[in-house]
Amino acid sequence: MNRKKKIYEKLKKKDKRANAKLHKSNKPRYVSKADRAKQVDNTTTQDSTSIELTE
């Protein structure tokens, strides 16, 4: 009985891992605080240069 249980649990674990790989999370990728600050700086500099070009 013990051997059957161990084999069954091992197969169940394998199926669970395979199933988890199929269903990827829709959670957005983490962006660090420093990277977010860089992005904001880049967008503000681009906006200011485009304003200067139009004037």
PDB file of N, CA and C in Angstrom:
ATOM      1  N   MET A   1       0.820  -1.196   0.000  1.00  0.00           N
ATOM      2  CA  MET A   1       0.000   0.000   0.000  1.00  0.00           C
ATOM      3  C   MET A   1       0.864   1.261   0.000  1.00  0.00           C
ATOM      4  N   ASN A   2       1.897   1.259   0.805  1.00  0.00           N
ATOM      5  CA  ASN A   2       2.762   2.422   0.900  1.00  0.00           C
ATOM      6  C   ASN A   2       3.425   2.734  -0.440  1.00  0.00           C
ATOM      7  N   ARG A   3       3.883   1.679  -1.128  1.00  0.00           N
ATOM      8  CA  ARG A   3       4.555   1.878  -2.407  1.00  0.00           C
ATOM      9  C   ARG A   3       3.590   2.511  -3.413  1.00  0.00           C
ATOM     10  N   LYS A   4       2.363   2.008  -3.455  1.00  0.00           N
ATOM     11  CA  LYS A   4       1.362   2.554  -4.378  1.00  0.00           C
ATOM     12  C   LYS A   4       1.088   4.023  -4.068  1.00  0.00           C
ATOM     13  N   LYS A   5       0.995   4.324  -2.779  1.00  0.00           N
ATOM     14  CA  LYS A   5       0.714   5.695  -2.364  1.00  0.00           C
ATOM     15  C   LYS A   5       1.833   6.628  -2.792  1.00  0.00           C
ATOM     16  N   LYS A   6       3.081   6.211  -2.593  1.00  0.00           N
ATOM     17  CA  LYS A   6       4.218   7.049  -2.965  1.00  0.00           C
ATOM     18  C   LYS A   6       4.252   7.292  -4.467  1.00  0.00           C
ATOM     19  N   ILE A   7       4.021   6.252  -5.238  1.00  0.00           N
ATOM     20  CA  ILE A   7       4.024   6.391  -6.699  1.00  0.00           C
ATOM     21  C   ILE A   7       2.897   7.319  -7.138  1.00  0.00           C
ATOM     22  N   TYR A   8       1.715   7.134  -6.552  1.00  0.00           N
ATOM     23  CA  TYR A   8       0.570   7.965  -6.897  1.00  0.00           C
ATOM     24  C   TYR A   8       0.840   9.431  -6.569  1.00  0.00           C
ATOM     25  N   GLU A   9       1.414   9.684  -5.396  1.00  0.00           N
ATOM     26  CA  GLU A   9       1.710  11.067  -5.003  1.00  0.00           C
ATOM     27  C   GLU A   9       2.747  11.698  -5.923  1.00  0.00           C
ATOM     28  N   LYS A  10       3.742  10.906  -6.327  1.00  0.00           N
ATOM     29  CA  LYS A  10       4.782  11.412  -7.227  1.00  0.00           C
ATOM     30  C   LYS A  10       4.175  11.807  -8.579  1.00  0.00           C
ATOM     31  N   LEU A  11       3.295  10.944  -9.105  1.00  0.00           N
ATOM     32  CA  LEU A  11       2.651  11.239 -10.386  1.00  0.00           C
ATOM     33  C   LEU A  11       1.713  12.444 -10.271  1.00  0.00           C
ATOM     34  N   LYS A  12       1.027  12.534  -9.150  1.00  0.00           N
ATOM     35  CA  LYS A  12       0.121  13.656  -8.922  1.00  0.00           C
ATOM     36  C   LYS A  12       0.899  14.975  -8.873  1.00  0.00           C
ATOM     37  N   LYS A  13       2.060  14.942  -8.216  1.00  0.00           N
ATOM     38  CA  LYS A  13       2.907  16.126  -8.123  1.00  0.00           C
ATOM     39  C   LYS A  13       3.395  16.557  -9.511  1.00  0.00           C
ATOM     40  N   LYS A  14       3.770  15.557 -10.319  1.00  0.00           N
ATOM     41  CA  LYS A  14       4.260  15.840 -11.673  1.00  0.00           C
ATOM     42  C   LYS A  14       3.144  16.479 -12.518  1.00  0.00           C
ATOM     43  N   ASP A  15       1.940  15.935 -12.425  1.00  0.00           N
ATOM     44  CA  ASP A  15       0.806  16.499 -13.158  1.00  0.00           C
ATOM     45  C   ASP A  15       0.500  17.921 -12.705  1.00  0.00           C
ATOM     46  N   LYS A  16       0.605  18.146 -11.412  1.00  0.00           N
ATOM     47  CA  LYS A  16       0.326  19.474 -10.868  1.00  0.00           C
ATOM     48  C   LYS A  16       1.316  20.500 -11.411  1.00  0.00           C
ATOM     49  N   ARG A  17       2.602  20.115 -11.470  1.00  0.00           N
ATOM     50  CA  ARG A  17       3.625  21.027 -12.006  1.00  0.00           C
ATOM     51  C   ARG A  17       3.398  21.305 -13.492  1.00  0.00           C
ATOM     52  N   ALA A  18       3.054  20.263 -14.242  1.00  0.00           N
ATOM     53  CA  ALA A  18       2.798  20.433 -15.673  1.00  0.00           C
ATOM     54  C   ALA A  18       1.594  21.342 -15.900  1.00  0.00           C
ATOM     55  N   ASN A  19       0.577  21.177 -15.091  1.00  0.00           N
ATOM     56  CA  ASN A  19      -0.625  22.000 -15.201  1.00  0.00           C
ATOM     57  C   ASN A  19      -0.323  23.456 -14.869  1.00  0.00           C
ATOM     58  N   ALA A  20       0.540  23.680 -13.885  1.00  0.00           N
ATOM     59  CA  ALA A  20       0.906  25.040 -13.500  1.00  0.00           C
ATOM     60  C   ALA A  20       1.665  25.735 -14.623  1.00  0.00           C
ATOM     61  N   LYS A  21       2.477  24.996 -15.356  1.00  0.00           N
ATOM     62  CA  LYS A  21       3.218  25.604 -16.472  1.00  0.00           C
ATOM     63  C   LYS A  21       2.282  26.010 -17.596  1.00  0.00           C
ATOM     64  N   LEU A  22       1.202  25.272 -17.775  1.00  0.00           N
ATOM     65  CA  LEU A  22       0.258  25.593 -18.843  1.00  0.00           C
ATOM     66  C   LEU A  22      -0.493  26.888 -18.558  1.00  0.00           C
ATOM     67  N   HIS A  23      -0.801  27.130 -17.299  1.00  0.00           N
ATOM     68  CA  HIS A  23      -1.590  28.300 -16.921  1.00  0.00           C
ATOM     69  C   HIS A  23      -0.669  29.362 -16.347  1.00  0.00           C
ATOM     70  N   LYS A  24      -0.125  30.160 -17.227  1.00  0.00           N
ATOM     71  CA  LYS A  24       0.767  31.241 -16.799  1.00  0.00           C
ATOM     72  C   LYS A  24      -0.037  32.334 -16.113  1.00  0.00           C
ATOM     73  N   SER A  25       0.619  33.038 -15.268  1.00  0.00           N
ATOM     74  CA  SER A  25      -0.023  34.123 -14.531  1.00  0.00           C
ATOM     75  C   SER A  25      -0.189  35.349 -15.432  1.00  0.00           C
ATOM     76  N   ASN A  26      -1.259  36.073 -15.234  1.00  0.00           N
ATOM     77  CA  ASN A  26      -1.490  37.309 -15.982  1.00  0.00           C
ATOM     78  C   ASN A  26      -0.922  38.516 -15.253  1.00  0.00           C
ATOM     79  N   LYS A  27      -0.201  38.229 -14.190  1.00  0.00           N
ATOM     80  CA  LYS A  27       0.371  39.288 -13.375  1.00  0.00           C
ATOM     81  C   LYS A  27       1.469  40.010 -14.154  1.00  0.00           C
ATOM     82  N   PRO A  28       1.473  41.333 -14.154  1.00  0.00           N
ATOM     83  CA  PRO A  28       2.517  42.059 -14.888  1.00  0.00           C
ATOM     84  C   PRO A  28       3.889  41.866 -14.258  1.00  0.00           C
ATOM     85  N   ARG A  29       4.921  41.958 -15.072  1.00  0.00           N
ATOM     86  CA  ARG A  29       6.289  41.777 -14.609  1.00  0.00           C
ATOM     87  C   ARG A  29       6.663  42.901 -13.654  1.00  0.00           C
ATOM     88  N   TYR A  30       7.405  42.577 -12.594  1.00  0.00           N
ATOM     89  CA  TYR A  30       7.781  43.569 -11.598  1.00  0.00           C
ATOM     90  C   TYR A  30       8.805  44.539 -12.179  1.00  0.00           C
ATOM     91  N   VAL A  31       8.590  45.823 -11.962  1.00  0.00           N
ATOM     92  CA  VAL A  31       9.529  46.857 -12.383  1.00  0.00           C
ATOM     93  C   VAL A  31       9.990  47.566 -11.124  1.00  0.00           C
ATOM     94  N   SER A  32      11.300  47.596 -10.930  1.00  0.00           N
ATOM     95  CA  SER A  32      11.835  48.189  -9.702  1.00  0.00           C
ATOM     96  C   SER A  32      11.577  49.695  -9.667  1.00  0.00           C
ATOM     97  N   LYS A  33      11.697  50.240  -8.479  1.00  0.00           N
ATOM     98  CA  LYS A  33      11.436  51.658  -8.270  1.00  0.00           C
ATOM     99  C   LYS A  33      12.400  52.509  -9.096  1.00  0.00           C
ATOM    100  N   ALA A  34      13.680  52.094  -9.165  1.00  0.00           N
ATOM    101  CA  ALA A  34      14.680  52.843  -9.917  1.00  0.00           C
ATOM    102  C   ALA A  34      14.352  52.834 -11.411  1.00  0.00           C
ATOM    103  N   ASP A  35      13.911  51.672 -11.920  1.00  0.00           N
ATOM    104  CA  ASP A  35      13.553  51.587 -13.336  1.00  0.00           C
ATOM    105  C   ASP A  35      12.333  52.443 -13.656  1.00  0.00           C
ATOM    106  N   ARG A  36      11.368  52.470 -12.734  1.00  0.00           N
ATOM    107  CA  ARG A  36      10.193  53.317 -12.949  1.00  0.00           C
ATOM    108  C   ARG A  36      10.590  54.788 -12.987  1.00  0.00           C
ATOM    109  N   ALA A  37      11.509  55.175 -12.127  1.00  0.00           N
ATOM    110  CA  ALA A  37      11.980  56.563 -12.103  1.00  0.00           C
ATOM    111  C   ALA A  37      12.680  56.905 -13.417  1.00  0.00           C
ATOM    112  N   LYS A  38      13.484  55.962 -13.930  1.00  0.00           N
ATOM    113  CA  LYS A  38      14.161  56.184 -15.212  1.00  0.00           C
ATOM    114  C   LYS A  38      13.148  56.374 -16.333  1.00  0.00           C
ATOM    115  N   GLN A  39      12.107  55.541 -16.340  1.00  0.00           N
ATOM    116  CA  GLN A  39      11.086  55.645 -17.378  1.00  0.00           C
ATOM    117  C   GLN A  39      10.385  56.989 -17.320  1.00  0.00           C
ATOM    118  N   VAL A  40      10.094  57.457 -16.127  1.00  0.00           N
ATOM    119  CA  VAL A  40       9.435  58.755 -15.973  1.00  0.00           C
ATOM    120  C   VAL A  40      10.357  59.858 -16.476  1.00  0.00           C
ATOM    121  N   ASP A  41      11.639  59.778 -16.129  1.00  0.00           N
ATOM    122  CA  ASP A  41      12.605  60.779 -16.600  1.00  0.00           C
ATOM    123  C   ASP A  41      12.695  60.776 -18.117  1.00  0.00           C
ATOM    124  N   ASN A  42      12.739  59.598 -18.708  1.00  0.00           N
ATOM    125  CA  ASN A  42      12.834  59.493 -20.167  1.00  0.00           C
ATOM    126  C   ASN A  42      11.605  60.081 -20.840  1.00  0.00           C
ATOM    127  N   THR A  43      10.435  59.801 -20.312  1.00  0.00           N
ATOM    128  CA  THR A  43       9.222  60.328 -20.937  1.00  0.00           C
ATOM    129  C   THR A  43       9.135  61.837 -20.783  1.00  0.00           C
ATOM    130  N   THR A  44       9.567  62.372 -19.641  1.00  0.00           N
ATOM    131  CA  THR A  44       9.498  63.824 -19.449  1.00  0.00           C
ATOM    132  C   THR A  44      10.505  64.529 -20.354  1.00  0.00           C
ATOM    133  N   THR A  45      11.690  63.949 -20.547  1.00  0.00           N
ATOM    134  CA  THR A  45      12.675  64.586 -21.422  1.00  0.00           C
ATOM    135  C   THR A  45      12.209  64.512 -22.872  1.00  0.00           C
ATOM    136  N   GLN A  46      11.567  63.403 -23.244  1.00  0.00           N
ATOM    137  CA  GLN A  46      11.060  63.290 -24.609  1.00  0.00           C
ATOM    138  C   GLN A  46       9.922  64.283 -24.835  1.00  0.00           C
ATOM    139  N   ASP A  47       9.057  64.444 -23.868  1.00  0.00           N
ATOM    140  CA  ASP A  47       7.948  65.383 -23.989  1.00  0.00           C
ATOM    141  C   ASP A  47       8.468  66.816 -24.100  1.00  0.00           C
ATOM    142  N   SER A  48       9.476  67.152 -23.309  1.00  0.00           N
ATOM    143  CA  SER A  48       9.996  68.518 -23.334  1.00  0.00           C
ATOM    144  C   SER A  48      10.720  68.793 -24.646  1.00  0.00           C
ATOM    145  N   THR A  49      11.412  67.794 -25.206  1.00  0.00           N
ATOM    146  CA  THR A  49      12.092  68.011 -26.489  1.00  0.00           C
ATOM    147  C   THR A  49      11.076  68.140 -27.609  1.00  0.00           C
ATOM    148  N   SER A  50       9.978  67.390 -27.544  1.00  0.00           N
ATOM    149  CA  SER A  50       8.971  67.501 -28.600  1.00  0.00           C
ATOM    150  C   SER A  50       8.264  68.851 -28.516  1.00  0.00           C
ATOM    151  N   ILE A  51       8.091  69.386 -27.320  1.00  0.00           N
ATOM    152  CA  ILE A  51       7.470  70.703 -27.157  1.00  0.00           C
ATOM    153  C   ILE A  51       8.397  71.776 -27.718  1.00  0.00           C
ATOM    154  N   GLU A  52       9.704  71.652 -27.446  1.00  0.00           N
ATOM    155  CA  GLU A  52      10.663  72.635 -27.944  1.00  0.00           C
ATOM    156  C   GLU A  52      10.722  72.624 -29.466  1.00  0.00           C
ATOM    157  N   LEU A  53      10.591  71.448 -30.067  1.00  0.00           N
ATOM    158  CA  LEU A  53      10.645  71.343 -31.518  1.00  0.00           C
ATOM    159  C   LEU A  53       9.419  71.966 -32.173  1.00  0.00           C
ATOM    160  N   THR A  54       8.278  71.879 -31.529  1.00  0.00           N
ATOM    161  CA  THR A  54       7.061  72.434 -32.116  1.00  0.00           C
ATOM    162  C   THR A  54       7.003  73.947 -31.991  1.00  0.00           C
ATOM    163  N   GLU A  55       7.710  74.510 -31.027  1.00  0.00           N
ATOM    164  CA  GLU A  55       7.656  75.961 -30.832  1.00  0.00           C
ATOM    165  C   GLU A  55       8.542  76.690 -31.749  1.00  0.00           C
TER     166      GLU A  55
END
